[in-house]
């Protein structure tokens, strides 16, 4: 089941024109390419999210280290 890119009504897969608003729908090749690009963007976003989480954990670890051992260095 697909949806019209203009009005959002549900359409049967492969329909070239919307039966509700009459606007032309993108071809199957374009839809496949857009799906592949969307998946690539999702993978990049996931990688960036994981990197940010790792950086936050490293910063927290560094702060805990500084709090624990920074106080022992007072002369």
PDB file of N, CA and C in Angstrom:
ATOM      1  N   UNK A   1       0.853  -1.166   0.000  1.00  0.00           N
ATOM      2  CA  UNK A   1       0.000   0.000   0.000  1.00  0.00           C
ATOM      3  C   UNK A   1       0.905   1.236   0.000  1.00  0.00           C
ATOM      4  N   UNK A   2       0.608   2.176  -0.864  1.00  0.00           N
ATOM      5  CA  UNK A   2       1.366   3.416  -0.973  1.00  0.00           C
ATOM      6  C   UNK A   2       0.438   4.588  -0.648  1.00  0.00           C
ATOM      7  N   UNK A   3       1.022   5.766  -0.553  1.00  0.00           N
ATOM      8  CA  UNK A   3       0.255   6.962  -0.269  1.00  0.00           C
ATOM      9  C   UNK A   3       0.607   8.046  -1.272  1.00  0.00           C
ATOM     10  N   UNK A   4      -0.365   8.852  -1.636  1.00  0.00           N
ATOM     11  CA  UNK A   4      -0.151   9.939  -2.582  1.00  0.00           C
ATOM     12  C   UNK A   4       0.819  10.946  -1.980  1.00  0.00           C
ATOM     13  N   UNK A   5       1.782  11.385  -2.781  1.00  0.00           N
ATOM     14  CA  UNK A   5       2.776  12.342  -2.291  1.00  0.00           C
ATOM     15  C   UNK A   5       2.179  13.741  -2.145  1.00  0.00           C
ATOM     16  N   UNK A   6       1.005  13.969  -2.715  1.00  0.00           N
ATOM     17  CA  UNK A   6       0.378  15.286  -2.651  1.00  0.00           C
ATOM     18  C   UNK A   6      -0.718  15.361  -1.591  1.00  0.00           C
ATOM     19  N   UNK A   7      -1.693  14.442  -1.676  1.00  0.00           N
ATOM     20  CA  UNK A   7      -2.846  14.533  -0.770  1.00  0.00           C
ATOM     21  C   UNK A   7      -2.803  13.536   0.381  1.00  0.00           C
ATOM     22  N   UNK A   8      -1.924  12.519   0.298  1.00  0.00           N
ATOM     23  CA  UNK A   8      -1.764  11.566   1.389  1.00  0.00           C
ATOM     24  C   UNK A   8      -2.756  10.420   1.400  1.00  0.00           C
ATOM     25  N   UNK A   9      -3.643  10.349   0.435  1.00  0.00           N
ATOM     26  CA  UNK A   9      -4.609   9.250   0.388  1.00  0.00           C
ATOM     27  C   UNK A   9      -3.903   7.942   0.046  1.00  0.00           C
ATOM     28  N   UNK A  10      -4.441   6.839   0.539  1.00  0.00           N
ATOM     29  CA  UNK A  10      -3.830   5.544   0.262  1.00  0.00           C
ATOM     30  C   UNK A  10      -4.115   5.123  -1.175  1.00  0.00           C
ATOM     31  N   UNK A  11      -3.084   4.561  -1.794  1.00  0.00           N
ATOM     32  CA  UNK A  11      -3.160   4.120  -3.179  1.00  0.00           C
ATOM     33  C   UNK A  11      -2.646   2.695  -3.276  1.00  0.00           C
ATOM     34  N   UNK A  12      -3.033   2.024  -4.322  1.00  0.00           N
ATOM     35  CA  UNK A  12      -2.471   0.706  -4.599  1.00  0.00           C
ATOM     36  C   UNK A  12      -1.060   0.882  -5.128  1.00  0.00           C
ATOM     37  N   UNK A  13      -0.170  -0.033  -4.797  1.00  0.00           N
ATOM     38  CA  UNK A  13       1.201   0.042  -5.294  1.00  0.00           C
ATOM     39  C   UNK A  13       1.215   0.087  -6.814  1.00  0.00           C
ATOM     40  N   UNK A  14       2.104   0.898  -7.362  1.00  0.00           N
ATOM     41  CA  UNK A  14       2.276   0.969  -8.801  1.00  0.00           C
ATOM     42  C   UNK A  14       1.363   1.946  -9.513  1.00  0.00           C
ATOM     43  N   UNK A  15       0.465   2.606  -8.816  1.00  0.00           N
ATOM     44  CA  UNK A  15      -0.417   3.575  -9.476  1.00  0.00           C
ATOM     45  C   UNK A  15       0.399   4.791  -9.885  1.00  0.00           C
ATOM     46  N   UNK A  16       0.211   5.237 -11.111  1.00  0.00           N
ATOM     47  CA  UNK A  16       0.970   6.383 -11.618  1.00  0.00           C
ATOM     48  C   UNK A  16       0.299   7.705 -11.282  1.00  0.00           C
ATOM     49  N   UNK A  17      -1.019   7.678 -11.090  1.00  0.00           N
ATOM     50  CA  UNK A  17      -1.760   8.893 -10.771  1.00  0.00           C
ATOM     51  C   UNK A  17      -2.676   8.626  -9.587  1.00  0.00           C
ATOM     52  N   UNK A  18      -2.826   9.630  -8.737  1.00  0.00           N
ATOM     53  CA  UNK A  18      -3.706   9.504  -7.578  1.00  0.00           C
ATOM     54  C   UNK A  18      -5.156   9.525  -8.043  1.00  0.00           C
ATOM     55  N   UNK A  19      -5.948   8.595  -7.548  1.00  0.00           N
ATOM     56  CA  UNK A  19      -7.356   8.541  -7.943  1.00  0.00           C
ATOM     57  C   UNK A  19      -8.187   9.602  -7.218  1.00  0.00           C
ATOM     58  N   UNK A  20      -7.601  10.267  -6.213  1.00  0.00           N
ATOM     59  CA  UNK A  20      -8.330  11.291  -5.466  1.00  0.00           C
ATOM     60  C   UNK A  20      -8.026  12.699  -5.978  1.00  0.00           C
ATOM     61  N   UNK A  21      -6.714  13.025  -6.097  1.00  0.00           N
ATOM     62  CA  UNK A  21      -6.362  14.387  -6.528  1.00  0.00           C
ATOM     63  C   UNK A  21      -5.851  14.453  -7.963  1.00  0.00           C
ATOM     64  N   UNK A  22      -5.520  13.308  -8.557  1.00  0.00           N
ATOM     65  CA  UNK A  22      -5.090  13.267  -9.945  1.00  0.00           C
ATOM     66  C   UNK A  22      -3.626  13.564 -10.189  1.00  0.00           C
ATOM     67  N   UNK A  23      -2.875  13.856  -9.158  1.00  0.00           N
ATOM     68  CA  UNK A  23      -1.458  14.182  -9.344  1.00  0.00           C
ATOM     69  C   UNK A  23      -0.636  12.937  -9.637  1.00  0.00           C
ATOM     70  N   UNK A  24       0.386  13.141 -10.473  1.00  0.00           N
ATOM     71  CA  UNK A  24       1.273  12.043 -10.851  1.00  0.00           C
ATOM     72  C   UNK A  24       2.128  11.637  -9.656  1.00  0.00           C
ATOM     73  N   UNK A  25       2.351  10.348  -9.540  1.00  0.00           N
ATOM     74  CA  UNK A  25       3.145   9.787  -8.450  1.00  0.00           C
ATOM     75  C   UNK A  25       4.546   9.461  -8.949  1.00  0.00           C
ATOM     76  N   UNK A  26       5.530   9.450  -8.069  1.00  0.00           N
ATOM     77  CA  UNK A  26       6.889   9.123  -8.508  1.00  0.00           C
ATOM     78  C   UNK A  26       6.982   7.672  -8.972  1.00  0.00           C
ATOM     79  N   UNK A  27       7.909   7.424  -9.895  1.00  0.00           N
ATOM     80  CA  UNK A  27       8.106   6.073 -10.409  1.00  0.00           C
ATOM     81  C   UNK A  27       8.751   5.168  -9.373  1.00  0.00           C
ATOM     82  N   UNK A  28       8.666   3.888  -9.592  1.00  0.00           N
ATOM     83  CA  UNK A  28       9.192   2.894  -8.650  1.00  0.00           C
ATOM     84  C   UNK A  28      10.708   3.013  -8.489  1.00  0.00           C
ATOM     85  N   UNK A  29      11.418   3.344  -9.568  1.00  0.00           N
ATOM     86  CA  UNK A  29      12.876   3.490  -9.475  1.00  0.00           C
ATOM     87  C   UNK A  29      13.245   4.638  -8.550  1.00  0.00           C
ATOM     88  N   UNK A  30      12.531   5.751  -8.659  1.00  0.00           N
ATOM     89  CA  UNK A  30      12.795   6.893  -7.787  1.00  0.00           C
ATOM     90  C   UNK A  30      12.495   6.538  -6.339  1.00  0.00           C
ATOM     91  N   UNK A  31      11.403   5.842  -6.117  1.00  0.00           N
ATOM     92  CA  UNK A  31      11.041   5.455  -4.748  1.00  0.00           C
ATOM     93  C   UNK A  31      12.108   4.545  -4.151  1.00  0.00           C
ATOM     94  N   UNK A  32      12.597   3.573  -4.921  1.00  0.00           N
ATOM     95  CA  UNK A  32      13.647   2.678  -4.430  1.00  0.00           C
ATOM     96  C   UNK A  32      14.917   3.454  -4.098  1.00  0.00           C
ATOM     97  N   UNK A  33      15.297   4.396  -4.970  1.00  0.00           N
ATOM     98  CA  UNK A  33      16.494   5.194  -4.718  1.00  0.00           C
ATOM     99  C   UNK A  33      16.334   6.037  -3.457  1.00  0.00           C
ATOM    100  N   UNK A  34      15.162   6.620  -3.278  1.00  0.00           N
ATOM    101  CA  UNK A  34      14.914   7.420  -2.078  1.00  0.00           C
ATOM    102  C   UNK A  34      14.932   6.561  -0.814  1.00  0.00           C
ATOM    103  N   UNK A  35      14.408   5.330  -0.914  1.00  0.00           N
ATOM    104  CA  UNK A  35      14.455   4.428   0.239  1.00  0.00           C
ATOM    105  C   UNK A  35      15.893   4.070   0.605  1.00  0.00           C
ATOM    106  N   UNK A  36      16.726   3.836  -0.417  1.00  0.00           N
ATOM    107  CA  UNK A  36      18.135   3.532  -0.156  1.00  0.00           C
ATOM    108  C   UNK A  36      18.838   4.722   0.489  1.00  0.00           C
ATOM    109  N   UNK A  37      18.573   5.926  -0.019  1.00  0.00           N
ATOM    110  CA  UNK A  37      19.187   7.120   0.557  1.00  0.00           C
ATOM    111  C   UNK A  37      18.719   7.344   1.994  1.00  0.00           C
ATOM    112  N   UNK A  38      17.444   7.103   2.248  1.00  0.00           N
ATOM    113  CA  UNK A  38      16.913   7.248   3.602  1.00  0.00           C
ATOM    114  C   UNK A  38      17.580   6.262   4.552  1.00  0.00           C
ATOM    115  N   UNK A  39      17.812   5.043   4.106  1.00  0.00           N
ATOM    116  CA  UNK A  39      18.485   4.043   4.940  1.00  0.00           C
ATOM    117  C   UNK A  39      19.924   4.454   5.221  1.00  0.00           C
ATOM    118  N   UNK A  40      20.608   5.000   4.234  1.00  0.00           N
ATOM    119  CA  UNK A  40      21.974   5.484   4.441  1.00  0.00           C
ATOM    120  C   UNK A  40      21.992   6.612   5.463  1.00  0.00           C
ATOM    121  N   UNK A  41      21.033   7.516   5.376  1.00  0.00           N
ATOM    122  CA  UNK A  41      20.950   8.628   6.335  1.00  0.00           C
ATOM    123  C   UNK A  41      20.685   8.090   7.732  1.00  0.00           C
ATOM    124  N   UNK A  42      19.799   7.087   7.849  1.00  0.00           N
ATOM    125  CA  UNK A  42      19.535   6.482   9.166  1.00  0.00           C
ATOM    126  C   UNK A  42      20.797   5.868   9.755  1.00  0.00           C
ATOM    127  N   UNK A  43      21.593   5.191   8.918  1.00  0.00           N
ATOM    128  CA  UNK A  43      22.831   4.564   9.390  1.00  0.00           C
ATOM    129  C   UNK A  43      23.829   5.624   9.858  1.00  0.00           C
ATOM    130  N   UNK A  44      23.950   6.707   9.114  1.00  0.00           N
ATOM    131  CA  UNK A  44      24.863   7.789   9.494  1.00  0.00           C
ATOM    132  C   UNK A  44      24.405   8.424  10.797  1.00  0.00           C
ATOM    133  N   UNK A  45      23.110   8.671  10.924  1.00  0.00           N
ATOM    134  CA  UNK A  45      22.580   9.261  12.155  1.00  0.00           C
ATOM    135  C   UNK A  45      22.820   8.346  13.352  1.00  0.00           C
ATOM    136  N   UNK A  46      22.670   7.047  13.160  1.00  0.00           N
ATOM    137  CA  UNK A  46      22.916   6.087  14.235  1.00  0.00           C
ATOM    138  C   UNK A  46      24.386   6.103  14.638  1.00  0.00           C
ATOM    139  N   UNK A  47      25.284   6.136  13.657  1.00  0.00           N
ATOM    140  CA  UNK A  47      26.717   6.191  13.948  1.00  0.00           C
ATOM    141  C   UNK A  47      27.062   7.463  14.721  1.00  0.00           C
ATOM    142  N   UNK A  48      26.485   8.598  14.294  1.00  0.00           N
ATOM    143  CA  UNK A  48      26.760   9.862  14.972  1.00  0.00           C
ATOM    144  C   UNK A  48      26.222   9.842  16.396  1.00  0.00           C
ATOM    145  N   UNK A  49      25.066   9.256  16.585  1.00  0.00           N
ATOM    146  CA  UNK A  49      24.474   9.145  17.915  1.00  0.00           C
ATOM    147  C   UNK A  49      25.350   8.288  18.819  1.00  0.00           C
ATOM    148  N   UNK A  50      25.858   7.186  18.283  1.00  0.00           N
ATOM    149  CA  UNK A  50      26.737   6.319  19.059  1.00  0.00           C
ATOM    150  C   UNK A  50      28.031   7.044  19.421  1.00  0.00           C
ATOM    151  N   UNK A  51      28.586   7.817  18.491  1.00  0.00           N
ATOM    152  CA  UNK A  51      29.805   8.566  18.764  1.00  0.00           C
ATOM    153  C   UNK A  51      29.575   9.604  19.850  1.00  0.00           C
ATOM    154  N   UNK A  52      28.431  10.289  19.794  1.00  0.00           N
ATOM    155  CA  UNK A  52      28.119  11.278  20.818  1.00  0.00           C
ATOM    156  C   UNK A  52      27.969  10.627  22.181  1.00  0.00           C
ATOM    157  N   UNK A  53      27.350   9.455  22.223  1.00  0.00           N
ATOM    158  CA  UNK A  53      27.188   8.739  23.488  1.00  0.00           C
ATOM    159  C   UNK A  53      28.552   8.323  24.039  1.00  0.00           C
ATOM    160  N   UNK A  54      29.455   7.871  23.166  1.00  0.00           N
ATOM    161  CA  UNK A  54      30.799   7.498  23.603  1.00  0.00           C
ATOM    162  C   UNK A  54      31.554   8.714  24.134  1.00  0.00           C
ATOM    163  N   UNK A  55      31.434   9.842  23.451  1.00  0.00           N
ATOM    164  CA  UNK A  55      32.110  11.050  23.903  1.00  0.00           C
ATOM    165  C   UNK A  55      31.566  11.509  25.249  1.00  0.00           C
ATOM    166  N   UNK A  56      30.260  11.421  25.438  1.00  0.00           N
ATOM    167  CA  UNK A  56      29.661  11.813  26.710  1.00  0.00           C
ATOM    168  C   UNK A  56      30.143  10.896  27.834  1.00  0.00           C
ATOM    169  N   UNK A  57      30.240   9.611  27.555  1.00  0.00           N
ATOM    170  CA  UNK A  57      30.722   8.669  28.568  1.00  0.00           C
ATOM    171  C   UNK A  57      32.185   8.951  28.906  1.00  0.00           C
ATOM    172  N   UNK A  58      32.990   9.275  27.900  1.00  0.00           N
ATOM    173  CA  UNK A  58      34.389   9.598  28.152  1.00  0.00           C
ATOM    174  C   UNK A  58      34.517  10.858  28.996  1.00  0.00           C
ATOM    175  N   UNK A  59      33.694  11.861  28.702  1.00  0.00           N
ATOM    176  CA  UNK A  59      33.734  13.102  29.478  1.00  0.00           C
ATOM    177  C   UNK A  59      33.320  12.847  30.918  1.00  0.00           C
ATOM    178  N   UNK A  60      32.296  12.032  31.113  1.00  0.00           N
ATOM    179  CA  UNK A  60      31.846  11.717  32.460  1.00  0.00           C
ATOM    180  C   UNK A  60      32.937  10.967  33.217  1.00  0.00           C
ATOM    181  N   UNK A  61      33.579  10.021  32.554  1.00  0.00           N
ATOM    182  CA  UNK A  61      34.665   9.276  33.178  1.00  0.00           C
ATOM    183  C   UNK A  61      35.805  10.222  33.550  1.00  0.00           C
ATOM    184  N   UNK A  62      36.138  11.154  32.674  1.00  0.00           N
ATOM    185  CA  UNK A  62      37.209  12.107  32.943  1.00  0.00           C
ATOM    186  C   UNK A  62      36.856  13.000  34.131  1.00  0.00           C
ATOM    187  N   UNK A  63      35.608  13.434  34.205  1.00  0.00           N
ATOM    188  CA  UNK A  63      35.179  14.271  35.325  1.00  0.00           C
ATOM    189  C   UNK A  63      35.259  13.496  36.636  1.00  0.00           C
ATOM    190  N   UNK A  64      34.832  12.235  36.620  1.00  0.00           N
ATOM    191  CA  UNK A  64      34.907  11.426  37.830  1.00  0.00           C
ATOM    192  C   UNK A  64      36.361  11.212  38.240  1.00  0.00           C
ATOM    193  N   UNK A  65      37.223  10.980  37.276  1.00  0.00           N
ATOM    194  CA  UNK A  65      38.648  10.809  37.553  1.00  0.00           C
ATOM    195  C   UNK A  65      39.221  12.073  38.177  1.00  0.00           C
ATOM    196  N   UNK A  66      38.886  13.211  37.578  1.00  0.00           N
ATOM    197  CA  UNK A  66      39.399  14.488  38.100  1.00  0.00           C
ATOM    198  C   UNK A  66      38.885  14.749  39.509  1.00  0.00           C
ATOM    199  N   UNK A  67      37.641  14.420  39.772  1.00  0.00           N
ATOM    200  CA  UNK A  67      37.093  14.628  41.103  1.00  0.00           C
ATOM    201  C   UNK A  67      37.771  13.720  42.122  1.00  0.00           C
ATOM    202  N   UNK A  68      38.023  12.490  41.730  1.00  0.00           N
ATOM    203  CA  UNK A  68      38.595  11.527  42.662  1.00  0.00           C
ATOM    204  C   UNK A  68      40.072  11.817  42.919  1.00  0.00           C
ATOM    205  N   UNK A  69      40.836  12.026  41.875  1.00  0.00           N
ATOM    206  CA  UNK A  69      42.278  12.162  42.041  1.00  0.00           C
ATOM    207  C   UNK A  69      42.746  13.603  42.084  1.00  0.00           C
ATOM    208  N   UNK A  70      41.917  14.510  41.634  1.00  0.00           N
ATOM    209  CA  UNK A  70      42.287  15.933  41.681  1.00  0.00           C
ATOM    210  C   UNK A  70      42.362  16.429  43.121  1.00  0.00           C
ATOM    211  N   UNK A  71      41.536  15.892  43.997  1.00  0.00           N
ATOM    212  CA  UNK A  71      41.531  16.318  45.397  1.00  0.00           C
ATOM    213  C   UNK A  71      42.751  15.812  46.147  1.00  0.00           C
ATOM    214  N   UNK A  72      43.331  14.709  45.722  1.00  0.00           N
ATOM    215  CA  UNK A  72      44.498  14.153  46.417  1.00  0.00           C
ATOM    216  C   UNK A  72      45.762  14.918  46.069  1.00  0.00           C
ATOM    217  N   UNK A  73      45.753  15.730  45.034  1.00  0.00           N
ATOM    218  CA  UNK A  73      46.954  16.449  44.624  1.00  0.00           C
ATOM    219  C   UNK A  73      47.155  17.758  45.387  1.00  0.00           C
ATOM    220  N   UNK A  74      46.267  18.143  46.210  1.00  0.00           N
ATOM    221  CA  UNK A  74      46.421  19.392  46.944  1.00  0.00           C
ATOM    222  C   UNK A  74      47.638  19.300  47.869  1.00  0.00           C
ATOM    223  N   UNK A  75      48.440  20.318  47.812  1.00  0.00           N
ATOM    224  CA  UNK A  75      49.693  20.309  48.575  1.00  0.00           C
ATOM    225  C   UNK A  75      49.583  21.224  49.708  1.00  0.00           C
TER     226      UNK A  75
END
